[in-house]
Each structure stands twice: as structure tokens, then as C-alpha cells.
Amino acid sequence: MLEKTTRVNLLYDFYGSLLSDKQRDFFELYYHDDWSLGEISEKYEISRQGVYDNLRRSVRSLEEYEEKLGLYQEDLRKTAILETIEDCINQTGLDPSDKDKLIVLMKSLQMND
């Protein structure tokens, strides 16, 4: 369950802006602010089932965006490559200050994604 929640939150980071305002509101309250379905349903004056259906559609939309665009998978791939490069840098006989410079440059690449 935790893995699914983590994945859904990461997909939201990539594609959340593509959801409707209401979907984003429900998603953030439920996944980020830890509100219950009942609390959200009271605030928006709809049934818990309505909240659940909205969240389910939101997650399905996020998964569909990932299936079509693949930004999350691409980010995982780039992160793995950067980690491999960092390991290679650390195993070389480079001067420590040169290693540090290379690692800083790598991390800046990762932050720019």
C-alpha cells in the first residue's frame, strides 16, 4: 500500500497540473493532508462514495498520463544513470576536489529535470 501511495504521489508531482481543480483539491486533501473520505465529503457536501470515485478517477488519469508520456519512468532511468556515473567517479583515482566538482555538476543536472 505504501508503494502505491508513493507512486501515486510521484505521478501527481509530474502530472498533477493536468487534473481538474476539484481533482487536485481532493487529491491534496486525501494524499497530502491525510484527510479522510468523510472529512472531504463534509467539506464539499457530497457523499463519501463521490469523493472515492473522484480520487479513483484522478489516480486512473495520472496512470494514463504516465502510460502515454512516461515522464516518471524517464526520471527513474536518468536517476539510475546519474547514480552509476557517481559510483564510477568515486571509484576513479581523481583528485578529491575534481571528484567533488563532477558530483556537483551531476547533481545540478538532476535538479534541472
PDB file of N, CA and C in Angstrom:
ATOM      1  N   MET A   1       0.828  -1.200   0.000  1.00  0.00           N
ATOM      2  CA  MET A   1       0.000   0.000   0.000  1.00  0.00           C
ATOM      3  C   MET A   1       0.869   1.260   0.000  1.00  0.00           C
ATOM      4  N   LEU A   2       1.938   1.231   0.790  1.00  0.00           N
ATOM      5  CA  LEU A   2       2.822   2.396   0.852  1.00  0.00           C
ATOM      6  C   LEU A   2       3.477   2.644  -0.505  1.00  0.00           C
ATOM      7  N   GLU A   3       3.870   1.557  -1.195  1.00  0.00           N
ATOM      8  CA  GLU A   3       4.480   1.717  -2.514  1.00  0.00           C
ATOM      9  C   GLU A   3       3.507   2.366  -3.490  1.00  0.00           C
ATOM     10  N   LYS A   4       2.239   1.952  -3.429  1.00  0.00           N
ATOM     11  CA  LYS A   4       1.229   2.529  -4.320  1.00  0.00           C
ATOM     12  C   LYS A   4       1.037   4.011  -4.010  1.00  0.00           C
ATOM     13  N   THR A   5       0.953   4.342  -2.723  1.00  0.00           N
ATOM     14  CA  THR A   5       0.779   5.739  -2.325  1.00  0.00           C
ATOM     15  C   THR A   5       1.974   6.579  -2.771  1.00  0.00           C
ATOM     16  N   THR A   6       3.169   6.041  -2.605  1.00  0.00           N
ATOM     17  CA  THR A   6       4.373   6.756  -3.032  1.00  0.00           C
ATOM     18  C   THR A   6       4.354   6.983  -4.534  1.00  0.00           C
ATOM     19  N   ARG A   7       4.012   5.929  -5.275  1.00  0.00           N
ATOM     20  CA  ARG A   7       3.950   6.054  -6.742  1.00  0.00           C
ATOM     21  C   ARG A   7       2.913   7.101  -7.157  1.00  0.00           C
ATOM     22  N   VAL A   8       1.735   7.047  -6.550  1.00  0.00           N
ATOM     23  CA  VAL A   8       0.666   7.987  -6.897  1.00  0.00           C
ATOM     24  C   VAL A   8       1.109   9.420  -6.603  1.00  0.00           C
ATOM     25  N   ASN A   9       1.777   9.627  -5.483  1.00  0.00           N
ATOM     26  CA  ASN A   9       2.263  10.973  -5.151  1.00  0.00           C
ATOM     27  C   ASN A   9       3.323  11.450  -6.142  1.00  0.00           C
ATOM     28  N   LEU A  10       4.199  10.546  -6.569  1.00  0.00           N
ATOM     29  CA  LEU A  10       5.206  10.927  -7.562  1.00  0.00           C
ATOM     30  C   LEU A  10       4.561  11.238  -8.908  1.00  0.00           C
ATOM     31  N   LEU A  11       3.574  10.437  -9.292  1.00  0.00           N
ATOM     32  CA  LEU A  11       2.857  10.732 -10.535  1.00  0.00           C
ATOM     33  C   LEU A  11       2.164  12.088 -10.442  1.00  0.00           C
ATOM     34  N   TYR A  12       1.630  12.393  -9.260  1.00  0.00           N
ATOM     35  CA  TYR A  12       0.985  13.695  -9.055  1.00  0.00           C
ATOM     36  C   TYR A  12       1.999  14.826  -9.240  1.00  0.00           C
ATOM     37  N   ASP A  13       3.227  14.618  -8.761  1.00  0.00           N
ATOM     38  CA  ASP A  13       4.262  15.638  -8.943  1.00  0.00           C
ATOM     39  C   ASP A  13       4.485  15.928 -10.428  1.00  0.00           C
ATOM     40  N   PHE A  14       4.438  14.890 -11.249  1.00  0.00           N
ATOM     41  CA  PHE A  14       4.657  15.065 -12.682  1.00  0.00           C
ATOM     42  C   PHE A  14       3.419  15.587 -13.412  1.00  0.00           C
ATOM     43  N   TYR A  15       2.258  15.060 -13.067  1.00  0.00           N
ATOM     44  CA  TYR A  15       1.065  15.302 -13.882  1.00  0.00           C
ATOM     45  C   TYR A  15      -0.085  15.987 -13.151  1.00  0.00           C
ATOM     46  N   GLY A  16       0.089  16.356 -11.910  1.00  0.00           N
ATOM     47  CA  GLY A  16      -0.997  16.939 -11.129  1.00  0.00           C
ATOM     48  C   GLY A  16      -1.629  18.157 -11.769  1.00  0.00           C
ATOM     49  N   SER A  17      -0.838  18.944 -12.454  1.00  0.00           N
ATOM     50  CA  SER A  17      -1.381  20.156 -13.078  1.00  0.00           C
ATOM     51  C   SER A  17      -2.348  19.837 -14.217  1.00  0.00           C
ATOM     52  N   LEU A  18      -2.364  18.591 -14.678  1.00  0.00           N
ATOM     53  CA  LEU A  18      -3.279  18.190 -15.745  1.00  0.00           C
ATOM     54  C   LEU A  18      -4.651  17.779 -15.214  1.00  0.00           C
ATOM     55  N   LEU A  19      -4.760  17.616 -13.903  1.00  0.00           N
ATOM     56  CA  LEU A  19      -6.045  17.275 -13.293  1.00  0.00           C
ATOM     57  C   LEU A  19      -6.903  18.533 -13.162  1.00  0.00           C
ATOM     58  N   SER A  20      -8.197  18.338 -13.005  1.00  0.00           N
ATOM     59  CA  SER A  20      -9.092  19.480 -12.785  1.00  0.00           C
ATOM     60  C   SER A  20      -8.828  20.073 -11.397  1.00  0.00           C
ATOM     61  N   ASP A  21      -9.302  21.272 -11.171  1.00  0.00           N
ATOM     62  CA  ASP A  21      -9.127  21.917  -9.863  1.00  0.00           C
ATOM     63  C   ASP A  21      -9.725  21.060  -8.746  1.00  0.00           C
ATOM     64  N   LYS A  22     -10.908  20.531  -8.985  1.00  0.00           N
ATOM     65  CA  LYS A  22     -11.580  19.716  -7.968  1.00  0.00           C
ATOM     66  C   LYS A  22     -10.798  18.429  -7.707  1.00  0.00           C
ATOM     67  N   GLN A  23     -10.296  17.803  -8.761  1.00  0.00           N
ATOM     68  CA  GLN A  23      -9.493  16.595  -8.580  1.00  0.00           C
ATOM     69  C   GLN A  23      -8.234  16.906  -7.776  1.00  0.00           C
ATOM     70  N   ARG A  24      -7.596  18.031  -8.094  1.00  0.00           N
ATOM     71  CA  ARG A  24      -6.390  18.411  -7.346  1.00  0.00           C
ATOM     72  C   ARG A  24      -6.720  18.669  -5.884  1.00  0.00           C
ATOM     73  N   ASP A  25      -7.817  19.372  -5.628  1.00  0.00           N
ATOM     74  CA  ASP A  25      -8.216  19.657  -4.244  1.00  0.00           C
ATOM     75  C   ASP A  25      -8.426  18.362  -3.464  1.00  0.00           C
ATOM     76  N   PHE A  26      -9.208  17.452  -4.016  1.00  0.00           N
ATOM     77  CA  PHE A  26      -9.484  16.186  -3.336  1.00  0.00           C
ATOM     78  C   PHE A  26      -8.192  15.397  -3.135  1.00  0.00           C
ATOM     79  N   PHE A  27      -7.377  15.342  -4.187  1.00  0.00           N
ATOM     80  CA  PHE A  27      -6.130  14.584  -4.123  1.00  0.00           C
ATOM     81  C   PHE A  27      -5.230  15.125  -3.021  1.00  0.00           C
ATOM     82  N   GLU A  28      -5.047  16.426  -2.984  1.00  0.00           N
ATOM     83  CA  GLU A  28      -4.152  17.029  -1.993  1.00  0.00           C
ATOM     84  C   GLU A  28      -4.676  16.831  -0.576  1.00  0.00           C
ATOM     85  N   LEU A  29      -5.975  16.981  -0.393  1.00  0.00           N
ATOM     86  CA  LEU A  29      -6.534  16.761   0.943  1.00  0.00           C
ATOM     87  C   LEU A  29      -6.345  15.315   1.379  1.00  0.00           C
ATOM     88  N   TYR A  30      -6.594  14.383   0.486  1.00  0.00           N
ATOM     89  CA  TYR A  30      -6.538  12.964   0.842  1.00  0.00           C
ATOM     90  C   TYR A  30      -5.099  12.461   0.970  1.00  0.00           C
ATOM     91  N   TYR A  31      -4.276  12.714  -0.033  1.00  0.00           N
ATOM     92  CA  TYR A  31      -2.925  12.148  -0.059  1.00  0.00           C
ATOM     93  C   TYR A  31      -1.884  13.015   0.647  1.00  0.00           C
ATOM     94  N   HIS A  32      -2.031  14.317   0.604  1.00  0.00           N
ATOM     95  CA  HIS A  32      -1.014  15.186   1.202  1.00  0.00           C
ATOM     96  C   HIS A  32      -1.370  15.614   2.623  1.00  0.00           C
ATOM     97  N   ASP A  33      -2.643  15.934   2.838  1.00  0.00           N
ATOM     98  CA  ASP A  33      -3.056  16.443   4.146  1.00  0.00           C
ATOM     99  C   ASP A  33      -3.669  15.370   5.037  1.00  0.00           C
ATOM    100  N   ASP A  34      -3.784  14.146   4.518  1.00  0.00           N
ATOM    101  CA  ASP A  34      -4.252  12.984   5.280  1.00  0.00           C
ATOM    102  C   ASP A  34      -5.685  13.135   5.796  1.00  0.00           C
ATOM    103  N   TRP A  35      -6.542  13.758   5.000  1.00  0.00           N
ATOM    104  CA  TRP A  35      -7.955  13.851   5.353  1.00  0.00           C
ATOM    105  C   TRP A  35      -8.629  12.530   5.005  1.00  0.00           C
ATOM    106  N   SER A  36      -9.666  12.203   5.723  1.00  0.00           N
ATOM    107  CA  SER A  36     -10.446  11.001   5.419  1.00  0.00           C
ATOM    108  C   SER A  36     -11.467  11.321   4.325  1.00  0.00           C
ATOM    109  N   LEU A  37     -12.030  10.261   3.743  1.00  0.00           N
ATOM    110  CA  LEU A  37     -13.092  10.463   2.753  1.00  0.00           C
ATOM    111  C   LEU A  37     -14.258  11.221   3.376  1.00  0.00           C
ATOM    112  N   GLY A  38     -14.566  10.886   4.633  1.00  0.00           N
ATOM    113  CA  GLY A  38     -15.663  11.543   5.339  1.00  0.00           C
ATOM    114  C   GLY A  38     -15.424  13.029   5.542  1.00  0.00           C
ATOM    115  N   GLU A  39     -14.201  13.387   5.903  1.00  0.00           N
ATOM    116  CA  GLU A  39     -13.884  14.808   6.109  1.00  0.00           C
ATOM    117  C   GLU A  39     -14.006  15.594   4.803  1.00  0.00           C
ATOM    118  N   ILE A  40     -13.517  14.995   3.722  1.00  0.00           N
ATOM    119  CA  ILE A  40     -13.605  15.670   2.422  1.00  0.00           C
ATOM    120  C   ILE A  40     -15.068  15.782   1.991  1.00  0.00           C
ATOM    121  N   SER A  41     -15.830  14.705   2.219  1.00  0.00           N
ATOM    122  CA  SER A  41     -17.242  14.724   1.808  1.00  0.00           C
ATOM    123  C   SER A  41     -18.027  15.780   2.582  1.00  0.00           C
ATOM    124  N   GLU A  42     -17.704  15.961   3.848  1.00  0.00           N
ATOM    125  CA  GLU A  42     -18.368  17.008   4.637  1.00  0.00           C
ATOM    126  C   GLU A  42     -18.027  18.396   4.101  1.00  0.00           C
ATOM    127  N   LYS A  43     -16.749  18.618   3.819  1.00  0.00           N
ATOM    128  CA  LYS A  43     -16.323  19.936   3.341  1.00  0.00           C
ATOM    129  C   LYS A  43     -16.997  20.291   2.014  1.00  0.00           C
ATOM    130  N   TYR A  44     -17.097  19.324   1.118  1.00  0.00           N
ATOM    131  CA  TYR A  44     -17.643  19.589  -0.217  1.00  0.00           C
ATOM    132  C   TYR A  44     -19.117  19.213  -0.347  1.00  0.00           C
ATOM    133  N   GLU A  45     -19.690  18.746   0.754  1.00  0.00           N
ATOM    134  CA  GLU A  45     -21.108  18.394   0.807  1.00  0.00           C
ATOM    135  C   GLU A  45     -21.505  17.411  -0.294  1.00  0.00           C
ATOM    136  N   ILE A  46     -20.708  16.354  -0.417  1.00  0.00           N
ATOM    137  CA  ILE A  46     -21.035  15.254  -1.319  1.00  0.00           C
ATOM    138  C   ILE A  46     -20.835  13.952  -0.549  1.00  0.00           C
ATOM    139  N   SER A  47     -21.229  12.856  -1.136  1.00  0.00           N
ATOM    140  CA  SER A  47     -21.100  11.568  -0.449  1.00  0.00           C
ATOM    141  C   SER A  47     -19.644  11.111  -0.416  1.00  0.00           C
ATOM    142  N   ARG A  48     -19.350  10.222   0.529  1.00  0.00           N
ATOM    143  CA  ARG A  48     -18.011   9.629   0.579  1.00  0.00           C
ATOM    144  C   ARG A  48     -17.729   8.858  -0.705  1.00  0.00           C
ATOM    145  N   GLN A  49     -18.771   8.213  -1.227  1.00  0.00           N
ATOM    146  CA  GLN A  49     -18.612   7.481  -2.490  1.00  0.00           C
ATOM    147  C   GLN A  49     -18.228   8.431  -3.615  1.00  0.00           C
ATOM    148  N   GLY A  50     -18.799   9.625  -3.606  1.00  0.00           N
ATOM    149  CA  GLY A  50     -18.444  10.631  -4.608  1.00  0.00           C
ATOM    150  C   GLY A  50     -16.983  11.042  -4.507  1.00  0.00           C
ATOM    151  N   VAL A  51     -16.512  11.203  -3.279  1.00  0.00           N
ATOM    152  CA  VAL A  51     -15.098  11.540  -3.061  1.00  0.00           C
ATOM    153  C   VAL A  51     -14.220  10.393  -3.540  1.00  0.00           C
ATOM    154  N   TYR A  52     -14.591   9.173  -3.147  1.00  0.00           N
ATOM    155  CA  TYR A  52     -13.824   7.986  -3.539  1.00  0.00           C
ATOM    156  C   TYR A  52     -13.747   7.874  -5.065  1.00  0.00           C
ATOM    157  N   ASP A  53     -14.882   8.053  -5.730  1.00  0.00           N
ATOM    158  CA  ASP A  53     -14.910   7.961  -7.194  1.00  0.00           C
ATOM    159  C   ASP A  53     -14.024   9.028  -7.830  1.00  0.00           C
ATOM    160  N   ASN A  54     -14.055  10.241  -7.280  1.00  0.00           N
ATOM    161  CA  ASN A  54     -13.218  11.320  -7.792  1.00  0.00           C
ATOM    162  C   ASN A  54     -11.737  10.963  -7.649  1.00  0.00           C
ATOM    163  N   LEU A  55     -11.357  10.456  -6.478  1.00  0.00           N
ATOM    164  CA  LEU A  55      -9.961  10.077  -6.247  1.00  0.00           C
ATOM    165  C   LEU A  55      -9.542   8.933  -7.169  1.00  0.00           C
ATOM    166  N   ARG A  56     -10.432   7.961  -7.343  1.00  0.00           N
ATOM    167  CA  ARG A  56     -10.126   6.820  -8.208  1.00  0.00           C
ATOM    168  C   ARG A  56      -9.925   7.290  -9.651  1.00  0.00           C
ATOM    169  N   ARG A  57     -10.782   8.184 -10.127  1.00  0.00           N
ATOM    170  CA  ARG A  57     -10.629   8.731 -11.479  1.00  0.00           C
ATOM    171  C   ARG A  57      -9.332   9.537 -11.598  1.00  0.00           C
ATOM    172  N   SER A  58      -8.991  10.264 -10.548  1.00  0.00           N
ATOM    173  CA  SER A  58      -7.756  11.056 -10.562  1.00  0.00           C
ATOM    174  C   SER A  58      -6.539  10.153 -10.694  1.00  0.00           C
ATOM    175  N   VAL A  59      -6.508   9.095  -9.895  1.00  0.00           N
ATOM    176  CA  VAL A  59      -5.374   8.165  -9.947  1.00  0.00           C
ATOM    177  C   VAL A  59      -5.317   7.492 -11.315  1.00  0.00           C
ATOM    178  N   ARG A  60      -6.467   7.099 -11.832  1.00  0.00           N
ATOM    179  CA  ARG A  60      -6.508   6.473 -13.156  1.00  0.00           C
ATOM    180  C   ARG A  60      -5.980   7.446 -14.214  1.00  0.00           C
ATOM    181  N   SER A  61      -6.357   8.715 -14.112  1.00  0.00           N
ATOM    182  CA  SER A  61      -5.860   9.723 -15.060  1.00  0.00           C
ATOM    183  C   SER A  61      -4.349   9.869 -14.961  1.00  0.00           C
ATOM    184  N   LEU A  62      -3.831   9.919 -13.739  1.00  0.00           N
ATOM    185  CA  LEU A  62      -2.381  10.035 -13.555  1.00  0.00           C
ATOM    186  C   LEU A  62      -1.662   8.846 -14.183  1.00  0.00           C
ATOM    187  N   GLU A  63      -2.201   7.643 -13.978  1.00  0.00           N
ATOM    188  CA  GLU A  63      -1.596   6.438 -14.563  1.00  0.00           C
ATOM    189  C   GLU A  63      -1.656   6.487 -16.091  1.00  0.00           C
ATOM    190  N   GLU A  64      -2.752   6.989 -16.637  1.00  0.00           N
ATOM    191  CA  GLU A  64      -2.874   7.105 -18.097  1.00  0.00           C
ATOM    192  C   GLU A  64      -1.885   8.120 -18.655  1.00  0.00           C
ATOM    193  N   TYR A  65      -1.702   9.232 -17.956  1.00  0.00           N
ATOM    194  CA  TYR A  65      -0.712  10.218 -18.399  1.00  0.00           C
ATOM    195  C   TYR A  65       0.682   9.596 -18.405  1.00  0.00           C
ATOM    196  N   GLU A  66       0.985   8.838 -17.377  1.00  0.00           N
ATOM    197  CA  GLU A  66       2.301   8.194 -17.311  1.00  0.00           C
ATOM    198  C   GLU A  66       2.457   7.177 -18.438  1.00  0.00           C
ATOM    199  N   GLU A  67       1.402   6.427 -18.702  1.00  0.00           N
ATOM    200  CA  GLU A  67       1.454   5.432 -19.773  1.00  0.00           C
ATOM    201  C   GLU A  67       1.736   6.098 -21.123  1.00  0.00           C
ATOM    202  N   LYS A  68       1.148   7.262 -21.346  1.00  0.00           N
ATOM    203  CA  LYS A  68       1.317   7.957 -22.622  1.00  0.00           C
ATOM    204  C   LYS A  68       2.614   8.758 -22.696  1.00  0.00           C
ATOM    205  N   LEU A  69       2.983   9.408 -21.600  1.00  0.00           N
ATOM    206  CA  LEU A  69       4.120  10.332 -21.627  1.00  0.00           C
ATOM    207  C   LEU A  69       5.404   9.753 -21.037  1.00  0.00           C
ATOM    208  N   GLY A  70       5.288   8.912 -20.031  1.00  0.00           N
ATOM    209  CA  GLY A  70       6.443   8.224 -19.463  1.00  0.00           C
ATOM    210  C   GLY A  70       7.454   9.102 -18.747  1.00  0.00           C
ATOM    211  N   LEU A  71       7.030  10.248 -18.234  1.00  0.00           N
ATOM    212  CA  LEU A  71       7.979  11.151 -17.572  1.00  0.00           C
ATOM    213  C   LEU A  71       8.554  10.558 -16.292  1.00  0.00           C
ATOM    214  N   TYR A  72       7.724   9.854 -15.527  1.00  0.00           N
ATOM    215  CA  TYR A  72       8.193   9.250 -14.274  1.00  0.00           C
ATOM    216  C   TYR A  72       9.230   8.163 -14.564  1.00  0.00           C
ATOM    217  N   GLN A  73       8.941   7.291 -15.532  1.00  0.00           N
ATOM    218  CA  GLN A  73       9.901   6.241 -15.882  1.00  0.00           C
ATOM    219  C   GLN A  73      11.200   6.838 -16.408  1.00  0.00           C
ATOM    220  N   GLU A  74      11.095   7.890 -17.186  1.00  0.00           N
ATOM    221  CA  GLU A  74      12.290   8.555 -17.705  1.00  0.00           C
ATOM    222  C   GLU A  74      13.111   9.161 -16.567  1.00  0.00           C
ATOM    223  N   ASP A  75      12.438   9.722 -15.579  1.00  0.00           N
ATOM    224  CA  ASP A  75      13.136  10.272 -14.421  1.00  0.00           C
ATOM    225  C   ASP A  75      13.859   9.167 -13.649  1.00  0.00           C
ATOM    226  N   LEU A  76      13.206   8.021 -13.479  1.00  0.00           N
ATOM    227  CA  LEU A  76      13.855   6.890 -12.806  1.00  0.00           C
ATOM    228  C   LEU A  76      15.091   6.436 -13.574  1.00  0.00           C
ATOM    229  N   ARG A  77      14.972   6.381 -14.898  1.00  0.00           N
ATOM    230  CA  ARG A  77      16.093   5.963 -15.741  1.00  0.00           C
ATOM    231  C   ARG A  77      17.261   6.937 -15.613  1.00  0.00           C
ATOM    232  N   LYS A  78      16.974   8.232 -15.680  1.00  0.00           N
ATOM    233  CA  LYS A  78      18.036   9.239 -15.560  1.00  0.00           C
ATOM    234  C   LYS A  78      18.692   9.192 -14.183  1.00  0.00           C
ATOM    235  N   THR A  79      17.891   9.004 -13.152  1.00  0.00           N
ATOM    236  CA  THR A  79      18.437   8.921 -11.796  1.00  0.00           C
ATOM    237  C   THR A  79      19.377   7.733 -11.670  1.00  0.00           C
ATOM    238  N   ALA A  80      18.999   6.599 -12.232  1.00  0.00           N
ATOM    239  CA  ALA A  80      19.853   5.409 -12.183  1.00  0.00           C
ATOM    240  C   ALA A  80      21.170   5.653 -12.921  1.00  0.00           C
ATOM    241  N   ILE A  81      21.104   6.322 -14.061  1.00  0.00           N
ATOM    242  CA  ILE A  81      22.317   6.634 -14.821  1.00  0.00           C
ATOM    243  C   ILE A  81      23.222   7.563 -14.018  1.00  0.00           C
ATOM    244  N   LEU A  82      22.643   8.589 -13.414  1.00  0.00           N
ATOM    245  CA  LEU A  82      23.444   9.523 -12.617  1.00  0.00           C
ATOM    246  C   LEU A  82      24.078   8.836 -11.414  1.00  0.00           C
ATOM    247  N   GLU A  83      23.365   7.911 -10.796  1.00  0.00           N
ATOM    248  CA  GLU A  83      23.938   7.163  -9.666  1.00  0.00           C
ATOM    249  C   GLU A  83      25.102   6.294 -10.132  1.00  0.00           C
ATOM    250  N   THR A  84      24.983   5.697 -11.304  1.00  0.00           N
ATOM    251  CA  THR A  84      26.067   4.884 -11.859  1.00  0.00           C
ATOM    252  C   THR A  84      27.282   5.751 -12.157  1.00  0.00           C
ATOM    253  N   ILE A  85      27.045   6.921 -12.725  1.00  0.00           N
ATOM    254  CA  ILE A  85      28.149   7.845 -13.010  1.00  0.00           C
ATOM    255  C   ILE A  85      28.831   8.262 -11.712  1.00  0.00           C
ATOM    256  N   GLU A  86      28.034   8.559 -10.687  1.00  0.00           N
ATOM    257  CA  GLU A  86      28.617   8.952  -9.399  1.00  0.00           C
ATOM    258  C   GLU A  86      29.470   7.827  -8.822  1.00  0.00           C
ATOM    259  N   ASP A  87      28.991   6.598  -8.915  1.00  0.00           N
ATOM    260  CA  ASP A  87      29.781   5.454  -8.440  1.00  0.00           C
ATOM    261  C   ASP A  87      31.096   5.349  -9.202  1.00  0.00           C
ATOM    262  N   CYS A  88      31.048   5.546 -10.517  1.00  0.00           N
ATOM    263  CA  CYS A  88      32.265   5.487 -11.330  1.00  0.00           C
ATOM    264  C   CYS A  88      33.244   6.593 -10.938  1.00  0.00           C
ATOM    265  N   ILE A  89      32.721   7.778 -10.711  1.00  0.00           N
ATOM    266  CA  ILE A  89      33.571   8.902 -10.304  1.00  0.00           C
ATOM    267  C   ILE A  89      34.262   8.581  -8.985  1.00  0.00           C
ATOM    268  N   ASN A  90      33.495   8.025  -8.045  1.00  0.00           N
ATOM    269  CA  ASN A  90      34.058   7.722  -6.729  1.00  0.00           C
ATOM    270  C   ASN A  90      35.095   6.607  -6.777  1.00  0.00           C
ATOM    271  N   GLN A  91      35.047   5.772  -7.799  1.00  0.00           N
ATOM    272  CA  GLN A  91      35.993   4.660  -7.898  1.00  0.00           C
ATOM    273  C   GLN A  91      37.246   5.019  -8.695  1.00  0.00           C
ATOM    274  N   THR A  92      37.271   6.193  -9.286  1.00  0.00           N
ATOM    275  CA  THR A  92      38.438   6.593 -10.074  1.00  0.00           C
ATOM    276  C   THR A  92      39.513   7.165  -9.162  1.00  0.00           C
ATOM    277  N   GLY A  93      40.673   7.342  -9.719  1.00  0.00           N
ATOM    278  CA  GLY A  93      41.787   7.902  -8.969  1.00  0.00           C
ATOM    279  C   GLY A  93      41.871   9.413  -9.088  1.00  0.00           C
ATOM    280  N   LEU A  94      40.763  10.055  -9.345  1.00  0.00           N
ATOM    281  CA  LEU A  94      40.761  11.512  -9.479  1.00  0.00           C
ATOM    282  C   LEU A  94      41.070  12.186  -8.149  1.00  0.00           C
ATOM    283  N   ASP A  95      41.592  13.375  -8.263  1.00  0.00           N
ATOM    284  CA  ASP A  95      41.806  14.220  -7.097  1.00  0.00           C
ATOM    285  C   ASP A  95      40.447  14.461  -6.430  1.00  0.00           C
ATOM    286  N   PRO A  96      40.373  14.434  -5.085  1.00  0.00           N
ATOM    287  CA  PRO A  96      39.085  14.620  -4.397  1.00  0.00           C
ATOM    288  C   PRO A  96      38.347  15.899  -4.791  1.00  0.00           C
ATOM    289  N   SER A  97      39.074  16.981  -5.030  1.00  0.00           N
ATOM    290  CA  SER A  97      38.387  18.227  -5.406  1.00  0.00           C
ATOM    291  C   SER A  97      37.764  18.098  -6.799  1.00  0.00           C
ATOM    292  N   ASP A  98      38.430  17.368  -7.708  1.00  0.00           N
ATOM    293  CA  ASP A  98      37.855  17.137  -9.034  1.00  0.00           C
ATOM    294  C   ASP A  98      36.617  16.246  -8.940  1.00  0.00           C
ATOM    295  N   LYS A  99      36.675  15.239  -8.077  1.00  0.00           N
ATOM    296  CA  LYS A  99      35.508  14.374  -7.860  1.00  0.00           C
ATOM    297  C   LYS A  99      34.328  15.198  -7.360  1.00  0.00           C
ATOM    298  N   ASP A 100      34.613  16.062  -6.395  1.00  0.00           N
ATOM    299  CA  ASP A 100      33.547  16.897  -5.831  1.00  0.00           C
ATOM    300  C   ASP A 100      32.919  17.793  -6.903  1.00  0.00           C
ATOM    301  N   LYS A 101      33.755  18.370  -7.768  1.00  0.00           N
ATOM    302  CA  LYS A 101      33.242  19.226  -8.838  1.00  0.00           C
ATOM    303  C   LYS A 101      32.334  18.436  -9.778  1.00  0.00           C
ATOM    304  N   LEU A 102      32.768  17.241 -10.149  1.00  0.00           N
ATOM    305  CA  LEU A 102      31.960  16.411 -11.046  1.00  0.00           C
ATOM    306  C   LEU A 102      30.629  16.020 -10.405  1.00  0.00           C
ATOM    307  N   ILE A 103      30.674  15.685  -9.132  1.00  0.00           N
ATOM    308  CA  ILE A 103      29.444  15.291  -8.435  1.00  0.00           C
ATOM    309  C   ILE A 103      28.485  16.477  -8.328  1.00  0.00           C
ATOM    310  N   VAL A 104      29.011  17.664  -8.067  1.00  0.00           N
ATOM    311  CA  VAL A 104      28.165  18.860  -8.014  1.00  0.00           C
ATOM    312  C   VAL A 104      27.511  19.105  -9.375  1.00  0.00           C
ATOM    313  N   LEU A 105      28.266  18.953 -10.448  1.00  0.00           N
ATOM    314  CA  LEU A 105      27.709  19.123 -11.794  1.00  0.00           C
ATOM    315  C   LEU A 105      26.616  18.092 -12.070  1.00  0.00           C
ATOM    316  N   MET A 106      26.853  16.863 -11.660  1.00  0.00           N
ATOM    317  CA  MET A 106      25.850  15.812 -11.839  1.00  0.00           C
ATOM    318  C   MET A 106      24.566  16.141 -11.097  1.00  0.00           C
ATOM    319  N   LYS A 107      24.711  16.563  -9.860  1.00  0.00           N
ATOM    320  CA  LYS A 107      23.531  16.881  -9.053  1.00  0.00           C
ATOM    321  C   LYS A 107      22.759  18.062  -9.646  1.00  0.00           C
ATOM    322  N   SER A 108      23.478  19.006 -10.259  1.00  0.00           N
ATOM    323  CA  SER A 108      22.781  20.127 -10.899  1.00  0.00           C
ATOM    324  C   SER A 108      21.983  19.638 -12.108  1.00  0.00           C
ATOM    325  N   LEU A 109      22.492  18.635 -12.816  1.00  0.00           N
ATOM    326  CA  LEU A 109      21.725  18.040 -13.914  1.00  0.00           C
ATOM    327  C   LEU A 109      20.450  17.402 -13.389  1.00  0.00           C
ATOM    328  N   GLN A 110      20.567  16.712 -12.279  1.00  0.00           N
ATOM    329  CA  GLN A 110      19.419  16.029 -11.697  1.00  0.00           C
ATOM    330  C   GLN A 110      18.372  17.039 -11.230  1.00  0.00           C
ATOM    331  N   MET A 111      18.799  18.161 -10.680  1.00  0.00           N
ATOM    332  CA  MET A 111      17.874  19.171 -10.174  1.00  0.00           C
ATOM    333  C   MET A 111      17.162  19.897 -11.306  1.00  0.00           C
ATOM    334  N   ASN A 112      17.781  19.984 -12.473  1.00  0.00           N
ATOM    335  CA  ASN A 112      17.188  20.706 -13.600  1.00  0.00           C
ATOM    336  C   ASN A 112      16.088  19.926 -14.296  1.00  0.00           C
ATOM    337  N   ASP A 113      15.936  18.670 -13.982  1.00  0.00           N
ATOM    338  CA  ASP A 113      14.889  17.851 -14.627  1.00  0.00           C
ATOM    339  C   ASP A 113      13.530  18.203 -14.127  1.00  0.00           C
TER     340      ASP A 113
END
